[in-house]
Amino acid sequence: MTDWNPHPEGSGAGCRIVDLPRVTDPRGNLTFIEGGSQIPFDVARVYYLYDVPGGESRGGHAHQNLQQLIIAAAGSFDVIVDDGTETSRFHLNRSYYGLLLPRLTWRELGNFSTGSVCLVLASLPYSEDDYYRDYGDFLAGRRAAEEAAR
């Protein structure tokens, strides 16, 4: 497993850090995200995690088709990603960096700081049918997708 503090060129397990635009101003900064520009998909759903108790983790699943951009809108947390071959840990702590997760990537979120907010932009609306919640099923689905692509 790779432990790493993100910067704009970072990557691991098929995921990569996206450096989001920053408009700086003495009155406060602004960051924007445009689907098809900073991220390779149109945003179909936005959700956020907050008030995660210390020691708790979130995620623990993968998606068959959905892509995501995960941002630490406030505070910090770790995202552990796994493509079935490689596992990497990303520590997100800046609101102008996003972690781009392609489809078929197992993810777990943890180590949330007090007051942290995890903002997620998703390529598809919610569908329970898109989830792999069992790691063995995820690995089998990933192998099947790789074989179909050959």
C-alpha atoms as a PDB file:
ATOM      1  CA  MET A   1       0.000   0.000   0.000  1.00  0.00           C
ATOM      2  CA  THR A   2       1.232   3.470  -0.874  1.00  0.00           C
ATOM      3  CA  ASP A   3       0.815   6.274   1.683  1.00  0.00           C
ATOM      4  CA  TRP A   4       0.876   9.684   0.132  1.00  0.00           C
ATOM      5  CA  ASN A   5      -0.021  13.292   0.569  1.00  0.00           C
ATOM      6  CA  PRO A   6      -1.809  14.573  -2.563  1.00  0.00           C
ATOM      7  CA  HIS A   7      -0.587  17.106  -5.058  1.00  0.00           C
ATOM      8  CA  PRO A   8      -1.989  17.852  -8.537  1.00  0.00           C
ATOM      9  CA  GLU A   9       0.008  15.130 -10.316  1.00  0.00           C
ATOM     10  CA  GLY A  10      -0.755  12.360  -7.778  1.00  0.00           C
ATOM     11  CA  SER A  11      -2.190   8.978  -8.746  1.00  0.00           C
ATOM     12  CA  GLY A  12      -2.565   5.424  -7.480  1.00  0.00           C
ATOM     13  CA  ALA A  13      -4.798   2.361  -8.031  1.00  0.00           C
ATOM     14  CA  GLY A  14      -6.223   3.980 -11.173  1.00  0.00           C
ATOM     15  CA  CYS A  15      -7.233   7.133  -9.267  1.00  0.00           C
ATOM     16  CA  ARG A  16      -5.748  10.587  -9.593  1.00  0.00           C
ATOM     17  CA  ILE A  17      -5.763  13.945  -7.895  1.00  0.00           C
ATOM     18  CA  VAL A  18      -7.428  16.736  -9.875  1.00  0.00           C
ATOM     19  CA  ASP A  19      -6.181  20.265  -9.215  1.00  0.00           C
ATOM     20  CA  LEU A  20      -9.362  22.363  -9.160  1.00  0.00           C
ATOM     21  CA  PRO A  21      -9.386  26.030 -10.209  1.00  0.00           C
ATOM     22  CA  ARG A  22      -8.882  28.566  -7.439  1.00  0.00           C
ATOM     23  CA  VAL A  23     -10.009  32.149  -7.637  1.00  0.00           C
ATOM     24  CA  THR A  24      -8.252  33.878  -4.758  1.00  0.00           C
ATOM     25  CA  ASP A  25      -9.604  37.034  -3.208  1.00  0.00           C
ATOM     26  CA  PRO A  26      -8.884  38.763   0.120  1.00  0.00           C
ATOM     27  CA  ARG A  27     -12.608  38.412   0.910  1.00  0.00           C
ATOM     28  CA  GLY A  28     -12.470  34.605   0.493  1.00  0.00           C
ATOM     29  CA  ASN A  29     -11.558  32.093  -2.176  1.00  0.00           C
ATOM     30  CA  LEU A  30     -13.742  30.333  -4.719  1.00  0.00           C
ATOM     31  CA  THR A  31     -13.330  26.976  -6.439  1.00  0.00           C
ATOM     32  CA  PHE A  32     -15.580  25.739  -9.232  1.00  0.00           C
ATOM     33  CA  ILE A  33     -16.047  22.434 -11.011  1.00  0.00           C
ATOM     34  CA  GLU A  34     -17.469  22.018 -14.494  1.00  0.00           C
ATOM     35  CA  GLY A  35     -18.411  18.582 -15.792  1.00  0.00           C
ATOM     36  CA  GLY A  36     -16.497  17.667 -18.931  1.00  0.00           C
ATOM     37  CA  SER A  37     -13.811  20.244 -18.078  1.00  0.00           C
ATOM     38  CA  GLN A  38     -12.068  19.519 -14.757  1.00  0.00           C
ATOM     39  CA  ILE A  39     -13.712  16.093 -14.553  1.00  0.00           C
ATOM     40  CA  PRO A  40     -14.441  13.647 -17.412  1.00  0.00           C
ATOM     41  CA  PHE A  41     -18.177  13.328 -16.712  1.00  0.00           C
ATOM     42  CA  ASP A  42     -21.296  15.401 -16.275  1.00  0.00           C
ATOM     43  CA  VAL A  43     -22.437  15.578 -12.666  1.00  0.00           C
ATOM     44  CA  ALA A  44     -25.690  13.662 -12.136  1.00  0.00           C
ATOM     45  CA  ARG A  45     -25.671  13.606  -8.324  1.00  0.00           C
ATOM     46  CA  VAL A  46     -24.017  15.483  -5.462  1.00  0.00           C
ATOM     47  CA  TYR A  47     -23.919  14.323  -1.861  1.00  0.00           C
ATOM     48  CA  TYR A  48     -21.840  15.012   1.210  1.00  0.00           C
ATOM     49  CA  LEU A  49     -20.853  13.243   4.417  1.00  0.00           C
ATOM     50  CA  TYR A  50     -20.562  15.174   7.671  1.00  0.00           C
ATOM     51  CA  ASP A  51     -20.670  14.656  11.431  1.00  0.00           C
ATOM     52  CA  VAL A  52     -18.818  11.332  10.996  1.00  0.00           C
ATOM     53  CA  PRO A  53     -17.925  10.180  14.539  1.00  0.00           C
ATOM     54  CA  GLY A  54     -14.256   9.675  15.365  1.00  0.00           C
ATOM     55  CA  GLY A  55     -13.029   6.188  14.499  1.00  0.00           C
ATOM     56  CA  GLU A  56     -15.855   5.512  12.038  1.00  0.00           C
ATOM     57  CA  SER A  57     -15.334   4.708   8.375  1.00  0.00           C
ATOM     58  CA  ARG A  58     -17.553   5.115   5.336  1.00  0.00           C
ATOM     59  CA  GLY A  59     -17.569   3.575   1.889  1.00  0.00           C
ATOM     60  CA  GLY A  60     -16.513  -0.047   1.777  1.00  0.00           C
ATOM     61  CA  HIS A  61     -17.894  -0.596  -1.711  1.00  0.00           C
ATOM     62  CA  ALA A  62     -17.268  -0.151  -5.439  1.00  0.00           C
ATOM     63  CA  HIS A  63     -19.450   0.856  -8.378  1.00  0.00           C
ATOM     64  CA  GLN A  64     -19.917  -0.987 -11.647  1.00  0.00           C
ATOM     65  CA  ASN A  65     -20.407   2.140 -13.791  1.00  0.00           C
ATOM     66  CA  LEU A  66     -20.362   5.249 -11.597  1.00  0.00           C
ATOM     67  CA  GLN A  67     -17.375   7.609 -11.526  1.00  0.00           C
ATOM     68  CA  GLN A  68     -16.809  10.037  -8.658  1.00  0.00           C
ATOM     69  CA  LEU A  69     -14.837  13.080  -7.603  1.00  0.00           C
ATOM     70  CA  ILE A  70     -14.257  13.192  -3.834  1.00  0.00           C
ATOM     71  CA  ILE A  71     -13.330  16.508  -2.179  1.00  0.00           C
ATOM     72  CA  ALA A  72     -12.507  17.462   1.406  1.00  0.00           C
ATOM     73  CA  ALA A  73     -14.762  20.534   1.430  1.00  0.00           C
ATOM     74  CA  ALA A  74     -13.786  21.070   5.086  1.00  0.00           C
ATOM     75  CA  GLY A  75     -11.306  19.349   7.374  1.00  0.00           C
ATOM     76  CA  SER A  76      -9.527  16.198   6.281  1.00  0.00           C
ATOM     77  CA  PHE A  77      -9.939  12.452   5.815  1.00  0.00           C
ATOM     78  CA  ASP A  78      -8.260   9.508   4.116  1.00  0.00           C
ATOM     79  CA  VAL A  79      -9.513   7.667   1.053  1.00  0.00           C
ATOM     80  CA  ILE A  80      -8.166   4.153   0.553  1.00  0.00           C
ATOM     81  CA  VAL A  81      -8.665   2.944  -3.021  1.00  0.00           C
ATOM     82  CA  ASP A  82      -8.153  -0.509  -4.477  1.00  0.00           C
ATOM     83  CA  ASP A  83      -8.346  -1.561  -8.138  1.00  0.00           C
ATOM     84  CA  GLY A  84      -7.986  -5.268  -7.341  1.00  0.00           C
ATOM     85  CA  THR A  85      -4.214  -5.127  -7.874  1.00  0.00           C
ATOM     86  CA  GLU A  86      -2.947  -1.955  -6.221  1.00  0.00           C
ATOM     87  CA  THR A  87      -4.062  -0.200  -3.040  1.00  0.00           C
ATOM     88  CA  SER A  88      -3.312   3.464  -2.312  1.00  0.00           C
ATOM     89  CA  ARG A  89      -4.160   5.879   0.480  1.00  0.00           C
ATOM     90  CA  PHE A  90      -4.884   9.525  -0.284  1.00  0.00           C
ATOM     91  CA  HIS A  91      -5.065  12.096   2.512  1.00  0.00           C
ATOM     92  CA  LEU A  92      -7.459  14.811   1.372  1.00  0.00           C
ATOM     93  CA  ASN A  93      -7.153  18.097   3.249  1.00  0.00           C
ATOM     94  CA  ARG A  94      -7.541  20.899   0.698  1.00  0.00           C
ATOM     95  CA  SER A  95     -10.828  21.978  -0.893  1.00  0.00           C
ATOM     96  CA  TYR A  96      -9.086  22.684  -4.211  1.00  0.00           C
ATOM     97  CA  TYR A  97      -7.952  19.087  -4.741  1.00  0.00           C
ATOM     98  CA  GLY A  98     -10.362  16.350  -5.758  1.00  0.00           C
ATOM     99  CA  LEU A  99      -9.735  12.627  -5.982  1.00  0.00           C
ATOM    100  CA  LEU A 100     -11.079  11.185  -9.225  1.00  0.00           C
ATOM    101  CA  LEU A 101     -12.261   7.575  -8.872  1.00  0.00           C
ATOM    102  CA  PRO A 102     -12.999   5.616 -12.037  1.00  0.00           C
ATOM    103  CA  ARG A 103     -15.624   2.888 -12.148  1.00  0.00           C
ATOM    104  CA  LEU A 104     -14.709  -0.469 -10.588  1.00  0.00           C
ATOM    105  CA  THR A 105     -12.634   1.043  -7.778  1.00  0.00           C
ATOM    106  CA  TRP A 106     -13.128  -0.192  -4.218  1.00  0.00           C
ATOM    107  CA  ARG A 107     -13.024   2.707  -1.750  1.00  0.00           C
ATOM    108  CA  GLU A 108     -13.026   3.231   2.003  1.00  0.00           C
ATOM    109  CA  LEU A 109     -13.020   6.567   3.804  1.00  0.00           C
ATOM    110  CA  GLY A 110     -11.722   7.068   7.330  1.00  0.00           C
ATOM    111  CA  ASN A 111      -9.588   9.146   9.678  1.00  0.00           C
ATOM    112  CA  PHE A 112     -12.112  12.015   9.545  1.00  0.00           C
ATOM    113  CA  SER A 113     -11.055  15.166  11.378  1.00  0.00           C
ATOM    114  CA  THR A 114     -13.568  16.962  13.584  1.00  0.00           C
ATOM    115  CA  GLY A 115     -15.904  19.095  11.471  1.00  0.00           C
ATOM    116  CA  SER A 116     -14.842  17.532   8.182  1.00  0.00           C
ATOM    117  CA  VAL A 117     -17.146  17.496   5.172  1.00  0.00           C
ATOM    118  CA  CYS A 118     -16.661  14.989   2.340  1.00  0.00           C
ATOM    119  CA  LEU A 119     -18.229  16.292  -0.871  1.00  0.00           C
ATOM    120  CA  VAL A 120     -18.863  13.762  -3.657  1.00  0.00           C
ATOM    121  CA  LEU A 121     -19.786  14.504  -7.278  1.00  0.00           C
ATOM    122  CA  ALA A 122     -21.114  11.435  -9.082  1.00  0.00           C
ATOM    123  CA  SER A 123     -21.570  10.634 -12.764  1.00  0.00           C
ATOM    124  CA  LEU A 124     -24.879   8.778 -12.304  1.00  0.00           C
ATOM    125  CA  PRO A 125     -27.985   9.021 -10.142  1.00  0.00           C
ATOM    126  CA  TYR A 126     -28.220   6.622  -7.205  1.00  0.00           C
ATOM    127  CA  SER A 127     -28.903   2.991  -8.124  1.00  0.00           C
ATOM    128  CA  GLU A 128     -28.409   0.139  -5.658  1.00  0.00           C
ATOM    129  CA  ASP A 129     -27.873  -2.166  -8.666  1.00  0.00           C
ATOM    130  CA  ASP A 130     -24.617  -0.320  -9.460  1.00  0.00           C
ATOM    131  CA  TYR A 131     -22.974  -1.262  -6.125  1.00  0.00           C
ATOM    132  CA  TYR A 132     -20.539  -4.008  -5.232  1.00  0.00           C
ATOM    133  CA  ARG A 133     -20.797  -4.245  -1.449  1.00  0.00           C
ATOM    134  CA  ASP A 134     -18.879  -7.536  -1.178  1.00  0.00           C
ATOM    135  CA  TYR A 135     -15.150  -7.396  -1.976  1.00  0.00           C
ATOM    136  CA  GLY A 136     -15.153 -10.869  -3.586  1.00  0.00           C
ATOM    137  CA  ASP A 137     -18.015  -9.854  -5.891  1.00  0.00           C
ATOM    138  CA  PHE A 138     -16.077  -6.688  -6.783  1.00  0.00           C
ATOM    139  CA  LEU A 139     -12.979  -8.698  -7.741  1.00  0.00           C
ATOM    140  CA  ALA A 140     -15.059 -11.073  -9.877  1.00  0.00           C
ATOM    141  CA  GLY A 141     -16.802  -8.130 -11.574  1.00  0.00           C
ATOM    142  CA  ARG A 142     -13.496  -6.387 -12.229  1.00  0.00           C
ATOM    143  CA  ARG A 143     -12.002  -9.570 -13.763  1.00  0.00           C
ATOM    144  CA  ALA A 144     -15.090 -10.003 -15.965  1.00  0.00           C
ATOM    145  CA  ALA A 145     -14.870  -6.390 -17.142  1.00  0.00           C
ATOM    146  CA  GLU A 146     -11.158  -6.771 -17.961  1.00  0.00           C
ATOM    147  CA  GLU A 147     -11.795  -9.976 -19.905  1.00  0.00           C
ATOM    148  CA  ALA A 148     -14.673  -8.353 -21.836  1.00  0.00           C
ATOM    149  CA  ALA A 149     -12.378  -5.431 -22.773  1.00  0.00           C
ATOM    150  CA  ARG A 150      -9.800  -7.773 -24.379  1.00  0.00           C
END
